[in-house]
N, C-alpha and C. Protein backbone atom coordinates (compact mmCIF):
# COMPACT_ATOMS: atom_id res chain seq x y z
N MET A 1 -24.83 32.83 -22.97
CA MET A 1 -24.26 32.01 -21.93
C MET A 1 -24.43 32.69 -20.58
N ILE A 2 -24.65 31.89 -19.58
CA ILE A 2 -24.78 32.40 -18.23
C ILE A 2 -23.58 31.92 -17.44
N TYR A 3 -22.93 32.85 -16.78
CA TYR A 3 -21.78 32.51 -15.95
C TYR A 3 -22.14 32.77 -14.50
N ALA A 4 -21.72 31.88 -13.65
CA ALA A 4 -21.96 32.04 -12.22
C ALA A 4 -20.63 32.07 -11.50
N HIS A 5 -20.53 32.93 -10.53
CA HIS A 5 -19.32 32.99 -9.72
C HIS A 5 -19.63 32.31 -8.39
N CYS A 6 -18.83 31.33 -8.07
CA CYS A 6 -19.03 30.61 -6.82
C CYS A 6 -18.11 31.19 -5.75
N TYR A 7 -18.60 31.30 -4.57
CA TYR A 7 -17.82 31.81 -3.46
C TYR A 7 -17.41 30.66 -2.56
N TYR A 8 -16.14 30.57 -2.29
CA TYR A 8 -15.62 29.55 -1.40
C TYR A 8 -14.90 30.24 -0.24
N PRO A 9 -15.45 30.15 0.97
CA PRO A 9 -14.85 30.85 2.11
C PRO A 9 -13.39 30.49 2.35
N GLU A 10 -12.99 29.26 2.04
CA GLU A 10 -11.60 28.87 2.29
C GLU A 10 -10.62 29.66 1.43
N GLN A 11 -11.10 30.27 0.33
CA GLN A 11 -10.22 31.07 -0.50
C GLN A 11 -9.76 32.34 0.20
N GLU A 12 -10.59 32.86 1.12
CA GLU A 12 -10.22 34.07 1.84
C GLU A 12 -9.03 33.85 2.75
N LYS A 13 -8.84 32.63 3.20
CA LYS A 13 -7.78 32.33 4.15
C LYS A 13 -6.41 32.34 3.48
N LYS A 14 -6.35 32.20 2.17
CA LYS A 14 -5.09 32.13 1.46
C LYS A 14 -4.71 33.50 0.93
N GLU A 15 -3.43 33.71 0.86
CA GLU A 15 -2.91 34.93 0.24
C GLU A 15 -3.06 34.80 -1.27
N PRO A 16 -3.21 35.91 -1.97
CA PRO A 16 -3.35 35.84 -3.44
C PRO A 16 -2.19 35.10 -4.11
N LEU A 17 -0.97 35.27 -3.60
CA LEU A 17 0.17 34.59 -4.19
C LEU A 17 0.05 33.07 -4.02
N ASP A 18 -0.47 32.63 -2.86
CA ASP A 18 -0.68 31.20 -2.65
C ASP A 18 -1.67 30.64 -3.67
N ASN A 19 -2.75 31.39 -3.92
CA ASN A 19 -3.73 30.95 -4.92
C ASN A 19 -3.11 30.86 -6.30
N LEU A 20 -2.27 31.83 -6.64
CA LEU A 20 -1.60 31.82 -7.94
C LEU A 20 -0.67 30.63 -8.07
N ILE A 21 0.12 30.37 -7.04
CA ILE A 21 1.05 29.24 -7.06
C ILE A 21 0.30 27.93 -7.20
N GLU A 22 -0.80 27.76 -6.48
CA GLU A 22 -1.60 26.54 -6.60
C GLU A 22 -2.17 26.39 -8.00
N GLY A 23 -2.61 27.49 -8.59
CA GLY A 23 -3.14 27.46 -9.95
C GLY A 23 -2.08 27.05 -10.95
N ILE A 24 -0.86 27.56 -10.79
CA ILE A 24 0.24 27.20 -11.69
C ILE A 24 0.58 25.73 -11.54
N LYS A 25 0.62 25.23 -10.31
CA LYS A 25 0.91 23.80 -10.09
C LYS A 25 -0.14 22.94 -10.76
N GLU A 26 -1.41 23.33 -10.63
CA GLU A 26 -2.50 22.54 -11.21
C GLU A 26 -2.38 22.52 -12.74
N VAL A 27 -2.13 23.67 -13.34
CA VAL A 27 -1.99 23.74 -14.80
C VAL A 27 -0.80 22.91 -15.25
N THR A 28 0.31 22.98 -14.52
CA THR A 28 1.50 22.21 -14.87
C THR A 28 1.21 20.72 -14.80
N GLU A 29 0.51 20.27 -13.79
CA GLU A 29 0.18 18.85 -13.65
C GLU A 29 -0.76 18.39 -14.76
N ILE A 30 -1.57 19.29 -15.28
CA ILE A 30 -2.49 18.94 -16.36
C ILE A 30 -1.75 18.99 -17.71
N ASN A 31 -1.01 20.06 -17.95
CA ASN A 31 -0.37 20.27 -19.25
C ASN A 31 0.95 19.54 -19.41
N HIS A 32 1.66 19.32 -18.33
CA HIS A 32 2.99 18.72 -18.40
C HIS A 32 3.21 17.76 -17.24
N PRO A 33 2.46 16.65 -17.20
CA PRO A 33 2.62 15.72 -16.08
C PRO A 33 4.04 15.18 -15.99
N LYS A 34 4.50 14.98 -14.77
CA LYS A 34 5.88 14.52 -14.54
C LYS A 34 6.15 13.18 -15.23
N TYR A 35 5.14 12.31 -15.27
CA TYR A 35 5.36 10.98 -15.83
C TYR A 35 5.49 10.99 -17.35
N TYR A 36 5.29 12.14 -18.00
CA TYR A 36 5.53 12.26 -19.44
C TYR A 36 6.76 13.13 -19.72
N ASN A 37 7.49 13.48 -18.69
CA ASN A 37 8.62 14.40 -18.85
C ASN A 37 9.93 13.79 -18.36
N LYS A 38 10.16 12.56 -18.63
CA LYS A 38 11.44 11.93 -18.32
C LYS A 38 12.33 12.09 -19.55
N GLY A 39 13.53 12.53 -19.36
CA GLY A 39 14.41 12.72 -20.50
C GLY A 39 14.40 14.16 -20.97
N LYS A 40 14.83 14.37 -22.20
CA LYS A 40 15.03 15.71 -22.72
C LYS A 40 13.81 16.32 -23.39
N ILE A 41 12.87 15.48 -23.84
CA ILE A 41 11.67 16.02 -24.49
C ILE A 41 10.43 15.37 -23.90
N GLU A 42 9.33 16.08 -24.02
CA GLU A 42 8.06 15.55 -23.54
C GLU A 42 7.50 14.58 -24.57
N VAL A 43 6.85 13.56 -24.10
CA VAL A 43 6.32 12.50 -24.97
C VAL A 43 5.44 13.06 -26.08
N ILE A 44 4.55 13.97 -25.75
CA ILE A 44 3.64 14.51 -26.77
C ILE A 44 4.40 15.23 -27.87
N ASP A 45 5.50 15.89 -27.51
CA ASP A 45 6.30 16.57 -28.53
C ASP A 45 6.92 15.57 -29.50
N PHE A 46 7.39 14.44 -28.99
CA PHE A 46 7.94 13.39 -29.85
C PHE A 46 6.86 12.83 -30.76
N ILE A 47 5.69 12.53 -30.19
CA ILE A 47 4.58 11.96 -30.96
C ILE A 47 4.19 12.89 -32.10
N GLU A 48 4.06 14.18 -31.80
CA GLU A 48 3.68 15.15 -32.82
C GLU A 48 4.79 15.34 -33.85
N ASP A 49 6.05 15.40 -33.40
CA ASP A 49 7.17 15.57 -34.31
C ASP A 49 7.24 14.43 -35.32
N GLN A 50 6.99 13.23 -34.86
CA GLN A 50 7.05 12.05 -35.71
C GLN A 50 5.75 11.79 -36.46
N GLN A 51 4.73 12.60 -36.20
CA GLN A 51 3.41 12.47 -36.85
C GLN A 51 2.89 11.05 -36.75
N LEU A 52 2.88 10.53 -35.53
CA LEU A 52 2.54 9.12 -35.33
C LEU A 52 1.05 8.82 -35.42
N GLY A 53 0.21 9.77 -35.26
CA GLY A 53 -1.22 9.49 -35.27
C GLY A 53 -1.68 8.91 -33.95
N PHE A 54 -2.98 8.64 -33.86
CA PHE A 54 -3.57 8.26 -32.58
C PHE A 54 -3.07 6.91 -32.06
N GLY A 55 -3.14 5.89 -32.90
CA GLY A 55 -2.80 4.54 -32.44
C GLY A 55 -1.34 4.39 -32.03
N LEU A 56 -0.44 4.76 -32.92
CA LEU A 56 0.98 4.66 -32.60
C LEU A 56 1.36 5.63 -31.48
N GLY A 57 0.78 6.81 -31.52
CA GLY A 57 1.05 7.79 -30.47
C GLY A 57 0.61 7.29 -29.10
N SER A 58 -0.54 6.65 -29.05
CA SER A 58 -1.02 6.09 -27.78
C SER A 58 -0.10 4.98 -27.29
N SER A 59 0.39 4.16 -28.22
CA SER A 59 1.34 3.11 -27.84
C SER A 59 2.59 3.71 -27.21
N VAL A 60 3.15 4.71 -27.85
CA VAL A 60 4.34 5.38 -27.32
C VAL A 60 4.05 5.99 -25.96
N LYS A 61 2.90 6.63 -25.85
CA LYS A 61 2.51 7.25 -24.58
C LYS A 61 2.48 6.23 -23.45
N TYR A 62 1.84 5.10 -23.68
CA TYR A 62 1.73 4.09 -22.62
C TYR A 62 3.07 3.43 -22.32
N ILE A 63 3.92 3.25 -23.33
CA ILE A 63 5.24 2.69 -23.08
C ILE A 63 6.06 3.66 -22.23
N CYS A 64 6.02 4.93 -22.58
CA CYS A 64 6.83 5.93 -21.87
C CYS A 64 6.37 6.16 -20.43
N ARG A 65 5.09 6.02 -20.19
CA ARG A 65 4.62 6.27 -18.84
C ARG A 65 4.49 5.00 -18.00
N ALA A 66 4.79 3.85 -18.57
CA ALA A 66 4.60 2.57 -17.87
C ALA A 66 5.22 2.61 -16.48
N GLY A 67 4.37 2.47 -15.51
CA GLY A 67 4.80 2.43 -14.12
C GLY A 67 5.15 3.77 -13.50
N LYS A 68 5.14 4.84 -14.28
CA LYS A 68 5.49 6.15 -13.74
C LYS A 68 4.28 6.88 -13.17
N LYS A 69 3.16 6.80 -13.85
CA LYS A 69 1.95 7.45 -13.35
C LYS A 69 1.47 6.71 -12.11
N ASN A 70 1.49 5.39 -12.19
CA ASN A 70 1.09 4.56 -11.07
C ASN A 70 1.95 3.29 -11.11
N PRO A 71 2.90 3.16 -10.19
CA PRO A 71 3.81 2.00 -10.21
C PRO A 71 3.09 0.65 -10.21
N ASP A 72 1.90 0.59 -9.65
CA ASP A 72 1.15 -0.66 -9.60
C ASP A 72 0.55 -1.04 -10.96
N LYS A 73 0.58 -0.11 -11.93
CA LYS A 73 -0.06 -0.38 -13.22
C LYS A 73 0.96 -0.50 -14.36
N TYR A 74 2.18 -0.86 -14.03
CA TYR A 74 3.22 -1.02 -15.05
C TYR A 74 2.77 -2.00 -16.14
N THR A 75 2.35 -3.18 -15.75
CA THR A 75 1.93 -4.21 -16.71
C THR A 75 0.69 -3.76 -17.47
N GLU A 76 -0.25 -3.13 -16.79
CA GLU A 76 -1.47 -2.64 -17.45
C GLU A 76 -1.13 -1.61 -18.52
N ASP A 77 -0.20 -0.70 -18.23
CA ASP A 77 0.21 0.28 -19.23
C ASP A 77 0.83 -0.40 -20.45
N LEU A 78 1.66 -1.40 -20.23
CA LEU A 78 2.27 -2.12 -21.36
C LEU A 78 1.22 -2.89 -22.16
N LYS A 79 0.23 -3.45 -21.48
CA LYS A 79 -0.86 -4.15 -22.20
C LYS A 79 -1.66 -3.17 -23.05
N LYS A 80 -1.86 -1.96 -22.55
CA LYS A 80 -2.56 -0.94 -23.34
C LYS A 80 -1.75 -0.59 -24.57
N ALA A 81 -0.42 -0.45 -24.40
CA ALA A 81 0.45 -0.16 -25.55
C ALA A 81 0.33 -1.27 -26.59
N ILE A 82 0.36 -2.51 -26.15
CA ILE A 82 0.23 -3.65 -27.06
C ILE A 82 -1.12 -3.63 -27.76
N TRP A 83 -2.18 -3.29 -27.02
CA TRP A 83 -3.52 -3.22 -27.61
C TRP A 83 -3.56 -2.21 -28.75
N TYR A 84 -2.99 -1.02 -28.53
CA TYR A 84 -2.97 -0.01 -29.58
C TYR A 84 -2.10 -0.45 -30.76
N LEU A 85 -0.98 -1.08 -30.49
CA LEU A 85 -0.14 -1.58 -31.57
C LEU A 85 -0.86 -2.65 -32.39
N GLN A 86 -1.52 -3.58 -31.70
CA GLN A 86 -2.25 -4.62 -32.40
C GLN A 86 -3.37 -4.04 -33.25
N ARG A 87 -4.01 -3.03 -32.74
CA ARG A 87 -5.07 -2.35 -33.51
C ARG A 87 -4.49 -1.74 -34.79
N GLU A 88 -3.32 -1.14 -34.69
CA GLU A 88 -2.66 -0.58 -35.88
C GLU A 88 -2.30 -1.68 -36.88
N VAL A 89 -1.78 -2.78 -36.37
CA VAL A 89 -1.44 -3.91 -37.25
C VAL A 89 -2.69 -4.42 -37.95
N ASP A 90 -3.76 -4.59 -37.20
CA ASP A 90 -5.00 -5.10 -37.75
C ASP A 90 -5.57 -4.15 -38.82
N ARG A 91 -5.44 -2.87 -38.58
CA ARG A 91 -5.96 -1.88 -39.52
C ARG A 91 -5.12 -1.77 -40.78
N ASN A 92 -3.82 -1.91 -40.64
CA ASN A 92 -2.92 -1.57 -41.74
C ASN A 92 -2.02 -2.69 -42.23
N GLY A 93 -1.88 -3.73 -41.44
CA GLY A 93 -0.81 -4.66 -41.76
C GLY A 93 -1.20 -6.01 -42.27
N LYS A 94 -2.03 -6.11 -43.26
CA LYS A 94 -2.40 -7.42 -43.78
C LYS A 94 -1.36 -7.94 -44.72
């Protein structure tokens, strides 16, 4: 494997602590987005604890985040949840 180090002049302007804080914020937003952390547990922890699998887990995910990630997409999130639920019914519920 070949690794390349890129130099960005704007990085010199920041203090090392500022770079660290920005990195932590970025990781937190990726690993623990605010819209999945309402209440006492994170959505992914509930999905895994209940062993819901992909379809049901996706439904729960979209229900829990409906309108939180993007308030304009509340209905779209609910439609996605319904789509995943219908797929589960079609696969398993004859």
